[in-house]
N, C-alpha and C. Protein backbone atom coordinates (compact mmCIF):
# COMPACT_ATOMS: atom_id res chain seq x y z
N MET A 1 83.88 85.23 92.18
CA MET A 1 84.97 84.98 93.08
C MET A 1 84.07 83.82 93.65
N LEU A 2 82.97 83.51 94.21
CA LEU A 2 82.88 82.04 94.18
C LEU A 2 81.74 81.39 93.40
N LYS A 3 82.14 81.31 92.16
CA LYS A 3 81.32 80.81 91.13
C LYS A 3 81.62 79.41 91.35
N LYS A 4 82.64 79.03 91.45
CA LYS A 4 82.73 77.70 91.38
C LYS A 4 82.20 77.12 92.63
N ILE A 5 81.67 77.59 94.06
CA ILE A 5 80.89 76.77 94.57
C ILE A 5 79.42 77.39 94.46
N LEU A 6 79.38 78.44 94.19
CA LEU A 6 77.86 79.21 94.31
C LEU A 6 77.65 79.27 92.93
N LYS A 7 76.28 79.10 92.43
CA LYS A 7 75.14 78.98 91.56
C LYS A 7 75.17 80.88 91.40
N GLY A 8 75.21 81.37 90.17
CA GLY A 8 74.76 82.80 89.67
C GLY A 8 73.43 82.79 89.90
N GLU A 9 72.46 81.80 89.35
CA GLU A 9 71.22 81.36 89.14
C GLU A 9 70.73 81.61 90.82
N SER A 10 71.46 80.73 91.58
CA SER A 10 70.67 81.08 92.80
C SER A 10 70.52 82.24 93.51
N CYS A 11 71.82 83.04 93.32
CA CYS A 11 71.88 84.43 93.96
C CYS A 11 70.74 85.38 93.23
N ALA A 12 70.78 85.10 91.97
CA ALA A 12 69.60 86.14 91.57
C ALA A 12 68.32 85.98 91.98
N LYS A 13 67.67 84.67 92.24
CA LYS A 13 66.60 84.56 92.69
C LYS A 13 66.59 84.45 94.53
N CYS A 14 67.43 84.73 94.78
CA CYS A 14 66.98 84.83 96.25
C CYS A 14 67.35 86.22 96.58
N ARG A 15 68.41 87.05 96.51
CA ARG A 15 68.80 88.73 97.17
C ARG A 15 68.63 88.81 98.43
N LEU A 16 68.70 87.29 99.19
CA LEU A 16 68.61 87.84 100.55
C LEU A 16 70.00 88.45 101.19
N CYS A 17 71.37 88.67 100.35
CA CYS A 17 72.47 89.36 100.83
C CYS A 17 72.00 90.57 100.77
N CYS A 18 70.86 91.35 99.74
CA CYS A 18 71.03 92.59 99.54
C CYS A 18 69.90 93.17 100.29
N ILE A 19 68.99 93.12 101.32
CA ILE A 19 67.99 93.28 101.86
C ILE A 19 68.31 92.71 103.48
N PHE A 20 68.23 94.39 104.43
CA PHE A 20 68.83 93.98 105.59
C PHE A 20 67.23 94.34 106.26
N ASP A 21 67.35 93.64 107.37
CA ASP A 21 66.15 93.99 107.99
C ASP A 21 66.63 94.61 109.40
N ARG A 22 66.06 95.08 110.81
CA ARG A 22 66.39 95.74 111.79
C ARG A 22 68.06 95.28 112.64
N TYR A 23 67.79 94.25 112.14
CA TYR A 23 68.56 92.95 113.13
C TYR A 23 69.88 92.58 112.50
N ASP A 24 70.07 92.77 111.13
CA ASP A 24 71.16 92.79 110.18
C ASP A 24 71.78 93.66 109.76
N VAL A 25 71.05 95.14 110.06
CA VAL A 25 71.76 96.33 108.87
C VAL A 25 73.10 96.58 109.19
N TRP A 26 73.50 96.13 110.21
CA TRP A 26 74.84 96.62 110.75
C TRP A 26 75.99 95.59 109.52
N GLU A 27 75.15 94.64 108.67
CA GLU A 27 75.95 93.96 108.03
C GLU A 27 75.88 94.37 106.73
N THR A 28 75.66 95.93 106.34
CA THR A 28 75.74 96.39 104.89
C THR A 28 77.25 96.27 104.31
N PRO A 29 77.30 96.31 103.49
CA PRO A 29 78.39 96.26 102.72
C PRO A 29 79.56 97.52 103.00
N VAL A 30 80.70 97.50 102.75
CA VAL A 30 82.01 98.51 102.97
C VAL A 30 82.35 98.58 101.70
N PHE A 31 82.18 100.03 101.52
CA PHE A 31 82.31 100.39 99.78
C PHE A 31 83.59 101.35 100.03
N THR A 32 84.28 101.09 98.63
CA THR A 32 85.54 102.32 98.56
C THR A 32 84.49 103.73 97.62
N GLU A 33 85.47 104.85 97.78
CA GLU A 33 84.99 105.94 97.57
C GLU A 33 84.36 105.74 96.17
N GLU A 34 85.54 105.06 95.13
CA GLU A 34 85.15 104.89 93.67
C GLU A 34 83.32 103.96 93.74
N ILE A 35 83.42 103.11 94.03
CA ILE A 35 82.10 102.76 94.32
C ILE A 35 80.98 103.44 94.79
N LYS A 36 81.43 103.76 95.89
CA LYS A 36 80.06 104.88 96.20
C LYS A 36 79.91 105.65 95.49
N ASN A 37 81.25 106.11 94.26
CA ASN A 37 80.79 107.39 93.73
C ASN A 37 79.48 106.85 92.24
N LEU A 38 79.94 105.73 92.13
CA LEU A 38 79.36 104.91 91.08
C LEU A 38 77.88 104.63 91.66
N ILE A 39 77.56 104.51 92.65
CA ILE A 39 76.19 104.31 93.10
C ILE A 39 75.15 105.82 93.11
N GLN A 40 76.18 106.50 93.66
CA GLN A 40 75.57 107.74 94.11
C GLN A 40 75.33 108.35 92.54
N HIS A 41 76.06 107.97 91.42
CA HIS A 41 75.31 108.64 90.06
C HIS A 41 74.52 107.70 89.92
N SER A 42 74.03 106.60 89.81
CA SER A 42 72.93 106.11 89.18
C SER A 42 71.67 106.28 90.26
N ARG A 43 72.13 106.40 91.82
CA ARG A 43 70.67 106.57 92.30
C ARG A 43 71.29 107.84 93.48
N PRO A 44 71.10 108.97 93.25
CA PRO A 44 71.17 110.42 93.72
C PRO A 44 70.88 110.18 95.34
N ASP A 45 69.91 109.38 95.40
CA ASP A 45 69.44 109.42 96.83
C ASP A 45 69.79 108.64 98.19
N ALA A 46 71.25 107.41 97.44
CA ALA A 46 71.73 106.61 98.28
C ALA A 46 72.57 107.54 99.10
N ARG A 47 72.50 107.35 100.48
CA ARG A 47 73.46 108.32 101.82
C ARG A 47 74.32 107.41 102.23
N PHE A 48 75.59 108.07 102.29
CA PHE A 48 76.54 107.02 103.08
C PHE A 48 77.17 107.86 104.19
N VAL A 49 77.47 107.52 104.92
CA VAL A 49 78.44 107.65 106.28
C VAL A 49 79.87 106.44 106.46
N THR A 50 80.73 107.42 106.42
CA THR A 50 82.09 106.88 106.63
C THR A 50 82.36 105.63 107.28
N LYS A 51 83.47 105.22 107.29
CA LYS A 51 83.45 103.96 108.54
C LYS A 51 84.94 103.42 108.31
N ASP A 52 85.95 104.26 109.04
CA ASP A 52 87.38 103.52 109.13
C ASP A 52 87.81 103.35 107.83
N GLY A 53 87.69 104.68 106.98
CA GLY A 53 88.10 104.87 105.58
C GLY A 53 87.85 104.36 104.54
N GLY A 54 86.00 103.33 104.93
CA GLY A 54 85.20 103.31 103.83
C GLY A 54 84.02 103.92 103.99
N TYR A 55 83.34 103.28 103.57
CA TYR A 55 81.90 103.80 103.25
C TYR A 55 80.66 102.67 103.61
N ILE A 56 79.65 103.16 104.21
CA ILE A 56 78.85 102.27 104.23
C ILE A 56 77.76 103.10 104.43
N PHE A 57 76.40 102.62 104.18
CA PHE A 57 74.86 103.38 104.02
C PHE A 57 74.50 103.51 105.02
N ARG A 58 74.06 104.98 105.06
CA ARG A 58 73.31 105.36 106.15
C ARG A 58 71.87 104.83 105.78
N VAL A 59 71.95 104.37 107.35
CA VAL A 59 70.32 103.34 107.19
C VAL A 59 69.48 104.39 108.05
N ASP A 60 68.41 104.67 107.92
CA ASP A 60 67.65 105.28 109.34
C ASP A 60 66.87 104.19 110.11
N GLU A 61 66.91 104.58 111.21
CA GLU A 61 66.38 103.16 112.19
C GLU A 61 65.26 102.55 111.84
N LEU A 62 65.07 101.24 111.40
CA LEU A 62 64.25 100.34 111.18
C LEU A 62 63.22 100.05 111.70
N LYS A 63 62.12 99.54 111.86
CA LYS A 63 60.83 99.52 112.83
C LYS A 63 60.27 98.34 112.43
N GLY A 64 60.09 97.45 113.48
CA GLY A 64 59.18 95.86 113.39
C GLY A 64 59.44 95.79 111.84
N ASP A 65 59.24 95.17 111.22
CA ASP A 65 59.79 94.45 109.78
C ASP A 65 59.88 95.35 108.62
N GLU A 66 60.40 96.76 108.92
CA GLU A 66 60.98 97.33 107.86
C GLU A 66 61.93 96.51 107.24
N LEU A 67 62.49 96.72 105.76
CA LEU A 67 63.54 96.57 105.45
C LEU A 67 64.25 97.69 104.51
N PHE A 68 65.47 97.67 104.43
CA PHE A 68 66.36 98.09 103.76
C PHE A 68 66.74 97.22 102.55
N SER A 69 66.87 97.74 101.22
CA SER A 69 67.23 97.16 100.10
C SER A 69 68.73 97.99 99.55
N CYS A 70 69.50 97.40 99.25
CA CYS A 70 70.96 98.03 98.89
C CYS A 70 70.68 98.41 97.47
N PRO A 71 70.89 100.35 97.80
CA PRO A 71 70.24 101.03 96.41
C PRO A 71 71.19 100.96 95.12
N ALA A 72 71.94 99.26 95.01
CA ALA A 72 72.86 99.13 94.09
C ALA A 72 71.67 98.00 93.49
N LEU A 73 70.97 97.32 94.15
CA LEU A 73 69.99 96.16 93.33
C LEU A 73 68.94 96.98 92.80
N THR A 74 69.05 95.91 91.55
CA THR A 74 68.06 96.67 90.95
C THR A 74 67.43 95.32 89.94
N GLU A 75 65.94 94.96 89.68
CA GLU A 75 65.10 93.93 88.82
C GLU A 75 65.90 93.15 88.50
N ASN A 76 67.44 93.31 87.92
CA ASN A 76 68.43 92.82 87.20
C ASN A 76 69.61 92.02 87.91
N GLY A 77 69.45 92.64 89.44
CA GLY A 77 70.71 91.94 89.98
C GLY A 77 71.28 92.88 90.65
N CYS A 78 72.48 92.97 90.89
CA CYS A 78 73.38 93.99 91.20
C CYS A 78 74.07 94.61 89.85
N MET A 79 73.53 96.35 89.95
CA MET A 79 74.08 97.21 88.81
C MET A 79 75.59 97.31 88.60
N LEU A 80 76.16 96.84 89.85
CA LEU A 80 77.58 97.12 89.97
C LEU A 80 78.55 96.05 89.29
N GLY A 81 77.89 94.92 88.92
CA GLY A 81 78.35 93.72 88.23
C GLY A 81 79.91 93.15 88.82
N ASP A 82 80.84 93.21 88.47
CA ASP A 82 82.13 92.75 88.48
C ASP A 82 82.92 93.88 89.54
N LYS A 83 82.08 95.17 89.87
CA LYS A 83 82.56 96.13 90.61
C LYS A 83 82.04 96.11 92.12
N LYS A 84 81.00 94.78 92.05
CA LYS A 84 80.52 94.45 93.94
C LYS A 84 81.96 94.64 94.95
N PRO A 85 81.47 95.28 95.67
CA PRO A 85 82.54 95.79 96.77
C PRO A 85 83.07 94.17 97.51
N PHE A 86 84.01 94.12 98.19
CA PHE A 86 84.70 93.09 98.55
C PHE A 86 83.81 92.06 99.35
N ASP A 87 82.74 92.48 100.33
CA ASP A 87 81.90 92.06 101.29
C ASP A 87 81.42 91.20 100.30
N CYS A 88 80.65 91.84 99.52
CA CYS A 88 79.57 91.28 98.39
C CYS A 88 80.04 90.02 97.82
N ARG A 89 81.31 90.28 97.39
CA ARG A 89 82.13 89.57 96.42
C ARG A 89 82.16 87.54 96.99
N ILE A 90 82.31 88.34 98.70
CA ILE A 90 82.69 86.72 99.14
C ILE A 90 81.68 87.05 99.93
N TRP A 91 80.56 87.10 99.96
CA TRP A 91 79.01 86.66 100.95
C TRP A 91 78.59 85.51 100.21
N PRO A 92 78.56 84.16 101.28
CA PRO A 92 77.95 84.56 102.52
C PRO A 92 79.26 84.19 103.71
N TYR A 93 80.51 84.44 102.71
CA TYR A 93 81.67 84.16 103.83
C TYR A 93 81.78 85.72 104.40
N ARG A 94 81.96 85.92 105.76
CA ARG A 94 82.60 86.93 106.41
C ARG A 94 83.81 87.02 107.34
N ILE A 95 84.27 88.15 107.05
CA ILE A 95 85.58 88.41 107.85
C ILE A 95 85.14 88.87 109.00
N MET A 96 85.38 88.29 110.55
CA MET A 96 85.14 88.98 111.82
C MET A 96 86.35 89.04 112.89
N ASN A 97 86.12 89.58 113.80
CA ASN A 97 87.19 89.86 114.46
C ASN A 97 86.39 88.66 116.09
N VAL A 98 87.05 87.80 116.05
CA VAL A 98 86.46 86.61 117.04
C VAL A 98 87.40 86.90 117.88
N GLY A 99 87.20 87.24 119.34
CA GLY A 99 88.25 87.18 120.27
C GLY A 99 89.71 87.59 120.17
N GLY A 100 89.46 88.97 119.30
CA GLY A 100 90.73 89.25 118.96
C GLY A 100 91.58 88.66 117.80
N LYS A 101 91.28 87.42 117.39
CA LYS A 101 91.60 87.38 116.31
C LYS A 101 90.87 87.09 114.87
N ARG A 102 91.04 87.45 114.01
CA ARG A 102 90.26 87.23 112.32
C ARG A 102 90.22 85.86 112.14
N ALA A 103 88.99 85.85 111.70
CA ALA A 103 88.19 84.42 111.47
C ALA A 103 87.32 84.48 110.62
N ILE A 104 86.98 83.56 109.41
CA ILE A 104 85.98 83.59 108.28
C ILE A 104 85.26 82.97 108.90
N THR A 105 84.08 83.67 108.94
CA THR A 105 82.18 82.85 109.04
C THR A 105 81.70 82.66 108.32
N LEU A 106 80.26 81.92 108.71
CA LEU A 106 79.24 81.98 107.45
C LEU A 106 78.17 82.54 107.65
N ALA A 107 77.40 83.06 106.91
CA ALA A 107 75.95 83.97 106.99
C ALA A 107 75.22 82.58 107.08
N SER A 108 74.42 82.30 108.02
CA SER A 108 73.67 80.83 108.05
C SER A 108 72.32 81.38 106.70
N ILE A 109 72.44 82.59 106.84
CA ILE A 109 70.87 82.74 105.71
C ILE A 109 70.96 82.55 104.22
N CYS A 110 72.35 82.18 103.39
CA CYS A 110 72.60 81.41 102.55
C CYS A 110 71.72 80.01 102.36
N GLU A 111 70.83 79.38 102.34
CA GLU A 111 70.57 78.37 102.28
C GLU A 111 71.44 77.48 101.05
N GLU A 112 71.66 78.30 99.85
CA GLU A 112 72.53 77.33 99.32
C GLU A 112 73.98 76.83 99.54
N MET A 113 74.93 77.75 100.71
CA MET A 113 75.88 77.55 100.94
C MET A 113 76.08 76.71 102.45
N TYR A 114 74.44 77.18 103.19
CA TYR A 114 74.67 76.86 104.63
C TYR A 114 74.24 74.90 104.31
N SER A 115 73.76 75.00 103.46
CA SER A 115 73.08 73.01 103.01
C SER A 115 74.17 72.06 102.91
N ARG A 116 75.60 72.86 102.16
CA ARG A 116 76.85 72.36 101.87
C ARG A 116 77.17 71.70 102.92
N PRO A 117 78.10 70.63 102.73
CA PRO A 117 79.13 69.65 103.99
C PRO A 117 80.07 70.76 104.61
N LEU A 118 80.36 70.99 105.65
CA LEU A 118 81.56 71.45 106.12
C LEU A 118 82.81 71.25 105.56
N SER A 119 83.15 70.05 105.17
CA SER A 119 84.36 69.96 104.66
C SER A 119 84.35 70.99 103.31
N GLN A 120 83.31 71.07 102.38
CA GLN A 120 83.29 71.78 101.16
C GLN A 120 83.38 73.18 101.60
N LEU A 121 83.02 73.70 102.51
CA LEU A 121 82.97 75.03 102.82
C LEU A 121 84.46 75.45 103.15
N VAL A 122 84.62 74.69 104.01
CA VAL A 122 86.41 75.04 104.69
C VAL A 122 87.38 74.53 103.33
N GLY A 123 86.87 73.73 102.73
CA GLY A 123 87.99 73.04 101.36
C GLY A 123 87.70 74.36 100.69
N PHE A 124 87.09 75.15 100.08
CA PHE A 124 86.99 76.07 99.43
C PHE A 124 87.67 77.43 99.51
N LEU A 125 87.87 77.46 101.29
CA LEU A 125 88.70 78.81 101.84
C LEU A 125 90.30 78.33 101.29
N GLU A 126 90.17 77.14 101.73
CA GLU A 126 91.66 76.46 101.86
C GLU A 126 92.10 76.50 100.57
N GLU A 127 91.70 76.62 99.21
CA GLU A 127 91.88 76.46 98.30
C GLU A 127 92.61 77.78 97.43
N GLY A 128 92.48 78.66 98.69
CA GLY A 128 93.19 80.12 98.09
C GLY A 128 92.32 81.64 98.38
N LEU A 129 90.71 80.65 98.78
CA LEU A 129 89.70 82.19 99.26
C LEU A 129 90.46 82.95 100.85
N ALA A 130 90.48 82.15 101.28
CA ALA A 130 90.57 82.54 102.99
C ALA A 130 92.08 83.29 102.88
N GLU A 131 93.25 83.00 101.77
CA GLU A 131 94.47 83.39 101.77
C GLU A 131 94.36 85.17 100.75
N THR A 132 92.82 85.42 100.16
CA THR A 132 92.59 86.33 99.19
C THR A 132 92.21 87.52 100.31
N ILE A 133 90.77 86.60 101.65
CA ILE A 133 90.61 87.16 101.96
C ILE A 133 91.12 88.33 103.30
N PHE A 134 91.77 87.17 104.09
CA PHE A 134 93.00 87.98 105.02
C PHE A 134 93.67 88.96 104.18
N ARG A 135 94.16 88.96 103.03
CA ARG A 135 95.20 89.36 102.48
C ARG A 135 94.29 91.05 102.48
N PHE A 136 93.43 91.12 101.79
CA PHE A 136 92.14 92.24 101.50
C PHE A 136 92.05 92.74 102.94
N ALA A 137 91.72 91.79 103.98
CA ALA A 137 91.38 92.84 105.24
C ALA A 137 92.75 93.51 105.85
N ASP A 138 94.23 92.98 105.26
CA ASP A 138 95.46 93.87 106.12
C ASP A 138 95.29 95.00 105.26
N GLU A 139 94.33 94.97 103.94
CA GLU A 139 94.29 96.34 103.47
C GLU A 139 93.31 97.13 103.77
N HIS A 140 92.59 96.72 104.00
CA HIS A 140 90.98 97.21 104.55
C HIS A 140 90.94 96.86 105.84
N PRO A 141 91.03 96.89 106.74
CA PRO A 141 90.67 96.56 108.08
C PRO A 141 89.63 97.06 108.43
N GLU A 142 88.71 98.20 107.83
CA GLU A 142 87.33 98.13 107.76
C GLU A 142 86.63 97.11 107.56
N ILE A 143 86.51 96.20 106.59
CA ILE A 143 85.91 94.95 106.39
C ILE A 143 85.69 94.36 107.67
N VAL A 144 86.41 94.21 108.38
CA VAL A 144 86.37 93.27 109.55
C VAL A 144 85.18 93.38 110.71
N LYS A 145 84.01 92.57 110.43
CA LYS A 145 83.21 93.14 111.33
C LYS A 145 83.46 92.44 112.87
N PRO A 146 82.98 93.18 113.85
CA PRO A 146 82.90 92.38 115.07
C PRO A 146 81.94 91.33 115.04
N TYR A 147 82.55 90.16 116.08
CA TYR A 147 81.90 88.92 115.78
C TYR A 147 80.26 88.67 116.57
N TYR A 148 79.43 88.33 115.19
CA TYR A 148 78.15 88.25 115.67
C TYR A 148 77.35 86.96 115.96
N ASP A 149 77.11 86.54 117.30
CA ASP A 149 76.35 85.09 117.64
C ASP A 149 75.64 84.74 116.56
N GLY A 150 76.10 83.29 116.33
CA GLY A 150 75.09 82.59 115.58
C GLY A 150 75.94 82.59 114.08
N TYR A 151 76.88 83.00 113.75
CA TYR A 151 77.99 82.97 112.86
C TYR A 151 78.65 81.89 112.80
N PRO A 152 78.90 80.45 112.01
CA PRO A 152 79.92 79.61 112.55
C PRO A 152 81.14 80.23 112.33
N VAL A 153 82.22 79.65 112.77
CA VAL A 153 83.28 80.20 112.36
C VAL A 153 83.79 78.81 111.71
N LEU A 154 84.25 79.22 110.93
CA LEU A 154 84.92 78.20 109.45
C LEU A 154 86.42 77.81 109.35
N LEU A 155 87.21 78.86 109.77
CA LEU A 155 88.42 79.04 109.86
C LEU A 155 89.51 79.92 110.10
N PHE A 156 90.21 80.11 111.35
CA PHE A 156 91.10 81.32 111.82
C PHE A 156 92.16 81.47 111.09
N GLU A 157 92.57 82.62 111.28
CA GLU A 157 93.74 83.09 110.17
C GLU A 157 95.08 82.49 111.58
N LYS A 158 95.68 81.97 110.45
CA LYS A 158 96.67 80.96 110.76
C LYS A 158 98.05 82.58 111.26
N GLU A 159 98.58 81.80 112.58
CA GLU A 159 99.27 82.56 113.25
C GLU A 159 100.70 82.84 112.13
N LYS A 160 101.22 84.06 112.15
CA LYS A 160 102.06 84.18 111.17
C LYS A 160 103.42 84.26 111.79
N ILE A 161 104.47 83.26 111.09
CA ILE A 161 105.56 82.95 112.05
C ILE A 161 106.73 83.99 111.93
N VAL A 162 107.34 84.80 112.93
CA VAL A 162 108.56 85.73 112.44
C VAL A 162 109.93 85.30 112.41
């Protein structure tokens, strides 16, 4: 989904979006039942809990510098390929609830994207990605995360004219 703006080679080398520490474990992606079952088929030890109609990883409390790696992450990248959950397909863009309004934000941990001009990041959203993200969130409200300090807001959802 982001191939026009983000190089796959950069993602393959980095993988930061697939590894979580105790401060960002809340950001693990939301999975459909189909994707959850795909992961469990290959990784039976992967544990999930329900979240508003979707599934997230069950992660035991992480201590100190302990990390949690997504069970779908392999040495060759994500085992899900084109079946990645929506959260992963739009990362480092995030959809968050900011004061009761949905907004698209940016995870600053992605150096490749965070170093780009703001006009390019917002422009890419305005070319149709924002509409896709908001439409998906209409159908899957469980992907909307609460706003977390430090995530720059790039675009608020436009008011719907009735």
